[in-house]
Amino acid sequence: NITAVHPLREDTLSKLLEKDNADYQVVESLINQKLIKSVIYKGKKFFLREYHINK
């Protein structure tokens, strides 16, 4: 999973989805499962892995 190390820009993610014939529901599912999250940085949307720390 590339987002484990590097944030993925929204346009790059869209190209990956298109290449794999997948739609945005895949991303929404990952967000709903709290496996990834989106953040805005310098006006662009990025996706990165959601880290969970067990206490």
PDB file of N, CA and C in Angstrom:
ATOM      1  N   ASN A   1       0.846  -1.178   0.000  1.00  0.00           N
ATOM      2  CA  ASN A   1       0.000   0.000   0.000  1.00  0.00           C
ATOM      3  C   ASN A   1       0.889   1.236   0.000  1.00  0.00           C
ATOM      4  N   ILE A   2       0.883   1.976  -1.081  1.00  0.00           N
ATOM      5  CA  ILE A   2       1.750   3.139  -1.214  1.00  0.00           C
ATOM      6  C   ILE A   2       1.443   4.219  -0.179  1.00  0.00           C
ATOM      7  N   THR A   3       0.191   4.329   0.257  1.00  0.00           N
ATOM      8  CA  THR A   3      -0.158   5.367   1.232  1.00  0.00           C
ATOM      9  C   THR A   3       0.400   5.067   2.614  1.00  0.00           C
ATOM     10  N   ALA A   4       0.947   3.880   2.838  1.00  0.00           N
ATOM     11  CA  ALA A   4       1.558   3.555   4.128  1.00  0.00           C
ATOM     12  C   ALA A   4       2.792   4.413   4.359  1.00  0.00           C
ATOM     13  N   VAL A   5       3.430   4.859   3.279  1.00  0.00           N
ATOM     14  CA  VAL A   5       4.668   5.628   3.406  1.00  0.00           C
ATOM     15  C   VAL A   5       4.524   7.040   2.848  1.00  0.00           C
ATOM     16  N   HIS A   6       3.825   7.172   1.733  1.00  0.00           N
ATOM     17  CA  HIS A   6       3.734   8.463   1.052  1.00  0.00           C
ATOM     18  C   HIS A   6       2.279   8.874   0.854  1.00  0.00           C
ATOM     19  N   PRO A   7       1.968  10.139   1.140  1.00  0.00           N
ATOM     20  CA  PRO A   7       0.621  10.626   0.805  1.00  0.00           C
ATOM     21  C   PRO A   7       0.417  10.534  -0.706  1.00  0.00           C
ATOM     22  N   LEU A   8      -0.811  10.313  -1.111  1.00  0.00           N
ATOM     23  CA  LEU A   8      -1.145  10.161  -2.524  1.00  0.00           C
ATOM     24  C   LEU A   8      -2.054  11.314  -2.934  1.00  0.00           C
ATOM     25  N   ARG A   9      -1.609  12.099  -3.923  1.00  0.00           N
ATOM     26  CA  ARG A   9      -2.395  13.235  -4.385  1.00  0.00           C
ATOM     27  C   ARG A   9      -3.655  12.741  -5.086  1.00  0.00           C
ATOM     28  N   GLU A  10      -4.730  13.509  -4.967  1.00  0.00           N
ATOM     29  CA  GLU A  10      -6.032  13.104  -5.504  1.00  0.00           C
ATOM     30  C   GLU A  10      -5.979  12.807  -7.004  1.00  0.00           C
ATOM     31  N   ASP A  11      -5.280  13.625  -7.779  1.00  0.00           N
ATOM     32  CA  ASP A  11      -5.229  13.385  -9.222  1.00  0.00           C
ATOM     33  C   ASP A  11      -4.485  12.091  -9.550  1.00  0.00           C
ATOM     34  N   THR A  12      -3.460  11.782  -8.774  1.00  0.00           N
ATOM     35  CA  THR A  12      -2.722  10.532  -8.963  1.00  0.00           C
ATOM     36  C   THR A  12      -3.598   9.344  -8.600  1.00  0.00           C
ATOM     37  N   LEU A  13      -4.343   9.471  -7.521  1.00  0.00           N
ATOM     38  CA  LEU A  13      -5.258   8.408  -7.112  1.00  0.00           C
ATOM     39  C   LEU A  13      -6.311   8.160  -8.193  1.00  0.00           C
ATOM     40  N   SER A  14      -6.831   9.219  -8.775  1.00  0.00           N
ATOM     41  CA  SER A  14      -7.826   9.087  -9.848  1.00  0.00           C
ATOM     42  C   SER A  14      -7.251   8.315 -11.033  1.00  0.00           C
ATOM     43  N   LYS A  15      -5.998   8.587 -11.379  1.00  0.00           N
ATOM     44  CA  LYS A  15      -5.352   7.870 -12.487  1.00  0.00           C
ATOM     45  C   LYS A  15      -5.189   6.390 -12.153  1.00  0.00           C
ATOM     46  N   LEU A  16      -4.828   6.078 -10.909  1.00  0.00           N
ATOM     47  CA  LEU A  16      -4.697   4.679 -10.494  1.00  0.00           C
ATOM     48  C   LEU A  16      -6.035   3.954 -10.563  1.00  0.00           C
ATOM     49  N   LEU A  17      -7.086   4.627 -10.111  1.00  0.00           N
ATOM     50  CA  LEU A  17      -8.420   4.026 -10.169  1.00  0.00           C
ATOM     51  C   LEU A  17      -8.822   3.754 -11.617  1.00  0.00           C
ATOM     52  N   GLU A  18      -8.560   4.721 -12.475  1.00  0.00           N
ATOM     53  CA  GLU A  18      -8.902   4.568 -13.892  1.00  0.00           C
ATOM     54  C   GLU A  18      -8.125   3.406 -14.517  1.00  0.00           C
ATOM     55  N   LYS A  19      -6.845   3.323 -14.194  1.00  0.00           N
ATOM     56  CA  LYS A  19      -6.002   2.253 -14.730  1.00  0.00           C
ATOM     57  C   LYS A  19      -6.518   0.874 -14.313  1.00  0.00           C
ATOM     58  N   ASP A  20      -7.038   0.778 -13.089  1.00  0.00           N
ATOM     59  CA  ASP A  20      -7.537  -0.498 -12.560  1.00  0.00           C
ATOM     60  C   ASP A  20      -9.030  -0.701 -12.812  1.00  0.00           C
ATOM     61  N   ASN A  21      -9.631   0.189 -13.599  1.00  0.00           N
ATOM     62  CA  ASN A  21     -11.074   0.119 -13.873  1.00  0.00           C
ATOM     63  C   ASN A  21     -11.897   0.073 -12.590  1.00  0.00           C
ATOM     64  N   ALA A  22     -11.491   0.866 -11.619  1.00  0.00           N
ATOM     65  CA  ALA A  22     -12.202   0.954 -10.341  1.00  0.00           C
ATOM     66  C   ALA A  22     -12.836   2.338 -10.245  1.00  0.00           C
ATOM     67  N   ASP A  23     -13.789   2.485  -9.347  1.00  0.00           N
ATOM     68  CA  ASP A  23     -14.392   3.801  -9.171  1.00  0.00           C
ATOM     69  C   ASP A  23     -14.115   4.330  -7.766  1.00  0.00           C
ATOM     70  N   TYR A  24     -14.583   5.543  -7.534  1.00  0.00           N
ATOM     71  CA  TYR A  24     -14.279   6.251  -6.292  1.00  0.00           C
ATOM     72  C   TYR A  24     -14.882   5.571  -5.063  1.00  0.00           C
ATOM     73  N   GLN A  25     -15.822   4.663  -5.257  1.00  0.00           N
ATOM     74  CA  GLN A  25     -16.413   3.944  -4.119  1.00  0.00           C
ATOM     75  C   GLN A  25     -15.353   3.170  -3.345  1.00  0.00           C
ATOM     76  N   VAL A  26     -14.298   2.748  -4.029  1.00  0.00           N
ATOM     77  CA  VAL A  26     -13.192   2.054  -3.360  1.00  0.00           C
ATOM     78  C   VAL A  26     -12.567   2.980  -2.316  1.00  0.00           C
ATOM     79  N   VAL A  27     -12.318   4.212  -2.714  1.00  0.00           N
ATOM     80  CA  VAL A  27     -11.721   5.199  -1.812  1.00  0.00           C
ATOM     81  C   VAL A  27     -12.674   5.500  -0.658  1.00  0.00           C
ATOM     82  N   GLU A  28     -13.946   5.708  -0.972  1.00  0.00           N
ATOM     83  CA  GLU A  28     -14.936   5.993   0.072  1.00  0.00           C
ATOM     84  C   GLU A  28     -15.021   4.853   1.081  1.00  0.00           C
ATOM     85  N   SER A  29     -14.932   3.630   0.606  1.00  0.00           N
ATOM     86  CA  SER A  29     -14.965   2.470   1.494  1.00  0.00           C
ATOM     87  C   SER A  29     -13.755   2.466   2.428  1.00  0.00           C
ATOM     88  N   LEU A  30     -12.582   2.751   1.892  1.00  0.00           N
ATOM     89  CA  LEU A  30     -11.373   2.798   2.719  1.00  0.00           C
ATOM     90  C   LEU A  30     -11.459   3.911   3.761  1.00  0.00           C
ATOM     91  N   ILE A  31     -12.029   5.047   3.375  1.00  0.00           N
ATOM     92  CA  ILE A  31     -12.210   6.153   4.322  1.00  0.00           C
ATOM     93  C   ILE A  31     -13.207   5.750   5.406  1.00  0.00           C
ATOM     94  N   ASN A  32     -14.322   5.150   5.012  1.00  0.00           N
ATOM     95  CA  ASN A  32     -15.338   4.720   5.985  1.00  0.00           C
ATOM     96  C   ASN A  32     -14.806   3.676   6.955  1.00  0.00           C
ATOM     97  N   GLN A  33     -13.876   2.843   6.489  1.00  0.00           N
ATOM     98  CA  GLN A  33     -13.259   1.835   7.348  1.00  0.00           C
ATOM     99  C   GLN A  33     -12.120   2.420   8.186  1.00  0.00           C
ATOM    100  N   LYS A  34     -11.865   3.717   7.993  1.00  0.00           N
ATOM    101  CA  LYS A  34     -10.792   4.436   8.674  1.00  0.00           C
ATOM    102  C   LYS A  34      -9.416   3.835   8.385  1.00  0.00           C
ATOM    103  N   LEU A  35      -9.248   3.357   7.152  1.00  0.00           N
ATOM    104  CA  LEU A  35      -7.954   2.838   6.719  1.00  0.00           C
ATOM    105  C   LEU A  35      -7.117   3.932   6.064  1.00  0.00           C
ATOM    106  N   ILE A  36      -7.798   4.894   5.439  1.00  0.00           N
ATOM    107  CA  ILE A  36      -7.123   6.069   4.899  1.00  0.00           C
ATOM    108  C   ILE A  36      -7.941   7.298   5.277  1.00  0.00           C
ATOM    109  N   LYS A  37      -7.322   8.459   5.142  1.00  0.00           N
ATOM    110  CA  LYS A  37      -8.045   9.717   5.360  1.00  0.00           C
ATOM    111  C   LYS A  37      -7.569  10.714   4.316  1.00  0.00           C
ATOM    112  N   SER A  38      -8.360  11.744   4.111  1.00  0.00           N
ATOM    113  CA  SER A  38      -7.970  12.795   3.179  1.00  0.00           C
ATOM    114  C   SER A  38      -7.610  14.042   3.970  1.00  0.00           C
ATOM    115  N   VAL A  39      -6.630  14.762   3.459  1.00  0.00           N
ATOM    116  CA  VAL A  39      -6.207  16.027   4.055  1.00  0.00           C
ATOM    117  C   VAL A  39      -5.966  17.017   2.925  1.00  0.00           C
ATOM    118  N   ILE A  40      -6.138  18.286   3.237  1.00  0.00           N
ATOM    119  CA  ILE A  40      -5.834  19.350   2.282  1.00  0.00           C
ATOM    120  C   ILE A  40      -4.493  19.946   2.690  1.00  0.00           C
ATOM    121  N   TYR A  41      -3.575  20.023   1.731  1.00  0.00           N
ATOM    122  CA  TYR A  41      -2.259  20.610   1.972  1.00  0.00           C
ATOM    123  C   TYR A  41      -1.933  21.519   0.798  1.00  0.00           C
ATOM    124  N   LYS A  42      -1.709  22.776   1.103  1.00  0.00           N
ATOM    125  CA  LYS A  42      -1.401  23.782   0.082  1.00  0.00           C
ATOM    126  C   LYS A  42      -2.419  23.768  -1.056  1.00  0.00           C
ATOM    127  N   GLY A  43      -3.692  23.629  -0.668  1.00  0.00           N
ATOM    128  CA  GLY A  43      -4.777  23.711  -1.629  1.00  0.00           C
ATOM    129  C   GLY A  43      -5.041  22.450  -2.436  1.00  0.00           C
ATOM    130  N   LYS A  44      -4.315  21.378  -2.154  1.00  0.00           N
ATOM    131  CA  LYS A  44      -4.520  20.117  -2.879  1.00  0.00           C
ATOM    132  C   LYS A  44      -4.929  19.032  -1.903  1.00  0.00           C
ATOM    133  N   LYS A  45      -5.760  18.103  -2.386  1.00  0.00           N
ATOM    134  CA  LYS A  45      -6.225  17.002  -1.539  1.00  0.00           C
ATOM    135  C   LYS A  45      -5.276  15.815  -1.670  1.00  0.00           C
ATOM    136  N   PHE A  46      -4.900  15.273  -0.517  1.00  0.00           N
ATOM    137  CA  PHE A  46      -4.040  14.097  -0.453  1.00  0.00           C
ATOM    138  C   PHE A  46      -4.731  13.023   0.366  1.00  0.00           C
ATOM    139  N   PHE A  47      -4.370  11.779   0.101  1.00  0.00           N
ATOM    140  CA  PHE A  47      -4.872  10.647   0.871  1.00  0.00           C
ATOM    141  C   PHE A  47      -3.687   9.975   1.535  1.00  0.00           C
ATOM    142  N   LEU A  48      -3.856   9.629   2.806  1.00  0.00           N
ATOM    143  CA  LEU A  48      -2.797   8.955   3.523  1.00  0.00           C
ATOM    144  C   LEU A  48      -3.368   7.916   4.463  1.00  0.00           C
ATOM    145  N   ARG A  49      -2.502   7.023   4.861  1.00  0.00           N
ATOM    146  CA  ARG A  49      -2.920   5.936   5.741  1.00  0.00           C
ATOM    147  C   ARG A  49      -3.316   6.497   7.091  1.00  0.00           C
ATOM    148  N   GLU A  50      -4.357   5.950   7.642  1.00  0.00           N
ATOM    149  CA  GLU A  50      -4.857   6.315   8.969  1.00  0.00           C
ATOM    150  C   GLU A  50      -4.143   5.401   9.960  1.00  0.00           C
ATOM    151  N   TYR A  51      -3.390   5.975  10.880  1.00  0.00           N
ATOM    152  CA  TYR A  51      -2.663   5.172  11.868  1.00  0.00           C
ATOM    153  C   TYR A  51      -3.460   5.092  13.152  1.00  0.00           C
ATOM    154  N   HIS A  52      -3.510   3.898  13.714  1.00  0.00           N
ATOM    155  CA  HIS A  52      -4.217   3.661  14.973  1.00  0.00           C
ATOM    156  C   HIS A  52      -3.209   3.158  15.992  1.00  0.00           C
ATOM    157  N   ILE A  53      -3.149   3.832  17.111  1.00  0.00           N
ATOM    158  CA  ILE A  53      -2.226   3.436  18.171  1.00  0.00           C
ATOM    159  C   ILE A  53      -3.033   2.790  19.284  1.00  0.00           C
ATOM    160  N   ASN A  54      -2.704   1.553  19.579  1.00  0.00           N
ATOM    161  CA  ASN A  54      -3.382   0.843  20.669  1.00  0.00           C
ATOM    162  C   ASN A  54      -2.727   1.206  21.985  1.00  0.00           C
ATOM    163  N   LYS A  55      -3.545   1.574  22.954  1.00  0.00           N
ATOM    164  CA  LYS A  55      -3.010   1.936  24.277  1.00  0.00           C
ATOM    165  C   LYS A  55      -3.330   0.858  25.267  1.00  0.00           C
TER     166      LYS A  55
END
